[in-house]
Amino acid sequence: MEDLRAKYELGQAIIGELNQKEFIKLFDKILRVRNILTSFDEFENDTQLTERGLQDYQSVYMTSTKTLRVSKLLIRKISMKI
């Protein structure tokens, strides 16, 4: 979580494909760990990230993954025409 907050502040745009890829990898790891931890009662009291903050990061995550997918499709279409 510290890396996420330090590198990618909420409200700041993630500029560049490499930065988007790094954000996606980092947030994907957080989502996986969070999914595992939600089965434990102690995790319910976790206050590292508010529900609103989680939703904001998820929005950035979904937008970034969609942007990268569209980029890849455009590159494939262009390369097929050549």
C-alpha atoms as a PDB file:
ATOM      1  CA  MET A   1       0.000   0.000   0.000  1.00  0.00           C
ATOM      2  CA  GLU A   2       2.848   2.367   0.764  1.00  0.00           C
ATOM      3  CA  ASP A   3       4.304   1.901  -2.723  1.00  0.00           C
ATOM      4  CA  LEU A   4       0.892   2.501  -4.269  1.00  0.00           C
ATOM      5  CA  ARG A   5       0.338   5.726  -2.365  1.00  0.00           C
ATOM      6  CA  ALA A   6       3.886   6.964  -2.911  1.00  0.00           C
ATOM      7  CA  LYS A   7       4.004   6.333  -6.651  1.00  0.00           C
ATOM      8  CA  TYR A   8       0.364   6.870  -7.621  1.00  0.00           C
ATOM      9  CA  GLU A   9      -1.489   9.484  -5.632  1.00  0.00           C
ATOM     10  CA  LEU A  10      -5.236   9.630  -6.077  1.00  0.00           C
ATOM     11  CA  GLY A  11      -6.271  12.468  -8.334  1.00  0.00           C
ATOM     12  CA  GLN A  12      -2.988  12.423 -10.250  1.00  0.00           C
ATOM     13  CA  ALA A  13      -2.968  11.129 -13.815  1.00  0.00           C
ATOM     14  CA  ILE A  14      -0.744   8.171 -14.612  1.00  0.00           C
ATOM     15  CA  ILE A  15       1.255   9.312 -17.595  1.00  0.00           C
ATOM     16  CA  GLY A  16       2.964   6.894 -19.936  1.00  0.00           C
ATOM     17  CA  GLU A  17       2.407   3.299 -20.905  1.00  0.00           C
ATOM     18  CA  LEU A  18       5.213   2.011 -18.690  1.00  0.00           C
ATOM     19  CA  ASN A  19       3.772   3.769 -15.623  1.00  0.00           C
ATOM     20  CA  GLN A  20       0.316   2.399 -16.406  1.00  0.00           C
ATOM     21  CA  LYS A  21       1.710  -1.125 -16.664  1.00  0.00           C
ATOM     22  CA  GLU A  22       3.553  -0.749 -13.353  1.00  0.00           C
ATOM     23  CA  PHE A  23       0.398   0.570 -11.670  1.00  0.00           C
ATOM     24  CA  ILE A  24      -1.669  -2.321 -13.030  1.00  0.00           C
ATOM     25  CA  LYS A  25       0.844  -4.898 -11.769  1.00  0.00           C
ATOM     26  CA  LEU A  26       1.067  -3.289  -8.331  1.00  0.00           C
ATOM     27  CA  PHE A  27      -2.670  -2.838  -7.877  1.00  0.00           C
ATOM     28  CA  ASP A  28      -3.331  -6.356  -9.177  1.00  0.00           C
ATOM     29  CA  LYS A  29      -1.072  -7.723  -6.424  1.00  0.00           C
ATOM     30  CA  ILE A  30      -2.924  -5.637  -3.844  1.00  0.00           C
ATOM     31  CA  LEU A  31      -6.292  -6.904  -5.063  1.00  0.00           C
ATOM     32  CA  ARG A  32      -5.122 -10.523  -4.874  1.00  0.00           C
ATOM     33  CA  VAL A  33      -3.804 -10.161  -1.317  1.00  0.00           C
ATOM     34  CA  ARG A  34      -6.889  -8.218  -0.284  1.00  0.00           C
ATOM     35  CA  ASN A  35      -9.101 -10.979  -1.683  1.00  0.00           C
ATOM     36  CA  ILE A  36      -7.298 -13.572   0.427  1.00  0.00           C
ATOM     37  CA  LEU A  37      -7.294 -11.434   3.574  1.00  0.00           C
ATOM     38  CA  THR A  38     -11.018 -10.660   3.452  1.00  0.00           C
ATOM     39  CA  SER A  39     -11.675 -14.176   4.728  1.00  0.00           C
ATOM     40  CA  PHE A  40     -10.123 -13.221   8.098  1.00  0.00           C
ATOM     41  CA  ASP A  41     -12.093 -11.295  10.726  1.00  0.00           C
ATOM     42  CA  GLU A  42      -9.068  -9.194  11.689  1.00  0.00           C
ATOM     43  CA  PHE A  43      -8.902  -7.756   8.197  1.00  0.00           C
ATOM     44  CA  GLU A  44     -12.325  -6.125   8.578  1.00  0.00           C
ATOM     45  CA  ASN A  45     -10.719  -3.486  10.799  1.00  0.00           C
ATOM     46  CA  ASP A  46      -8.067  -2.616   8.208  1.00  0.00           C
ATOM     47  CA  THR A  47      -7.968   1.153   7.738  1.00  0.00           C
ATOM     48  CA  GLN A  48      -5.060   1.481   5.317  1.00  0.00           C
ATOM     49  CA  LEU A  49      -7.433   2.316   2.497  1.00  0.00           C
ATOM     50  CA  THR A  50     -10.929   3.710   2.769  1.00  0.00           C
ATOM     51  CA  GLU A  51     -13.741   2.224   0.731  1.00  0.00           C
ATOM     52  CA  ARG A  52     -13.796   5.408  -1.350  1.00  0.00           C
ATOM     53  CA  GLY A  53     -10.038   5.254  -1.903  1.00  0.00           C
ATOM     54  CA  LEU A  54     -10.313   1.628  -2.998  1.00  0.00           C
ATOM     55  CA  GLN A  55     -13.064   2.549  -5.463  1.00  0.00           C
ATOM     56  CA  ASP A  56     -10.970   5.407  -6.831  1.00  0.00           C
ATOM     57  CA  TYR A  57      -7.953   3.155  -7.368  1.00  0.00           C
ATOM     58  CA  GLN A  58     -10.178   0.494  -8.959  1.00  0.00           C
ATOM     59  CA  SER A  59     -11.475   3.110 -11.374  1.00  0.00           C
ATOM     60  CA  VAL A  60      -7.936   4.083 -12.354  1.00  0.00           C
ATOM     61  CA  TYR A  61      -7.071   0.374 -12.671  1.00  0.00           C
ATOM     62  CA  MET A  62      -9.984  -0.337 -15.004  1.00  0.00           C
ATOM     63  CA  THR A  63      -9.306   2.759 -17.104  1.00  0.00           C
ATOM     64  CA  SER A  64      -5.616   1.898 -17.417  1.00  0.00           C
ATOM     65  CA  THR A  65      -6.263  -1.713 -18.428  1.00  0.00           C
ATOM     66  CA  LYS A  66      -8.820  -0.598 -21.007  1.00  0.00           C
ATOM     67  CA  THR A  67      -6.432   2.014 -22.431  1.00  0.00           C
ATOM     68  CA  LEU A  68      -3.631  -0.539 -22.793  1.00  0.00           C
ATOM     69  CA  ARG A  69      -5.950  -3.064 -24.462  1.00  0.00           C
ATOM     70  CA  VAL A  70      -7.119  -0.477 -26.990  1.00  0.00           C
ATOM     71  CA  SER A  71      -3.489   0.492 -27.695  1.00  0.00           C
ATOM     72  CA  LYS A  72      -2.560  -3.119 -28.365  1.00  0.00           C
ATOM     73  CA  LEU A  73      -5.527  -3.575 -30.698  1.00  0.00           C
ATOM     74  CA  LEU A  74      -4.633  -0.452 -32.658  1.00  0.00           C
ATOM     75  CA  ILE A  75      -1.033  -1.575 -33.005  1.00  0.00           C
ATOM     76  CA  ARG A  76      -2.170  -4.982 -34.279  1.00  0.00           C
ATOM     77  CA  LYS A  77      -4.522  -3.409 -36.813  1.00  0.00           C
ATOM     78  CA  ILE A  78      -1.825  -1.067 -38.072  1.00  0.00           C
ATOM     79  CA  SER A  79       0.744  -3.850 -38.343  1.00  0.00           C
ATOM     80  CA  MET A  80      -1.733  -6.055 -40.233  1.00  0.00           C
ATOM     81  CA  LYS A  81      -2.235  -3.322 -42.835  1.00  0.00           C
ATOM     82  CA  ILE A  82       1.480  -3.008 -43.464  1.00  0.00           C
END
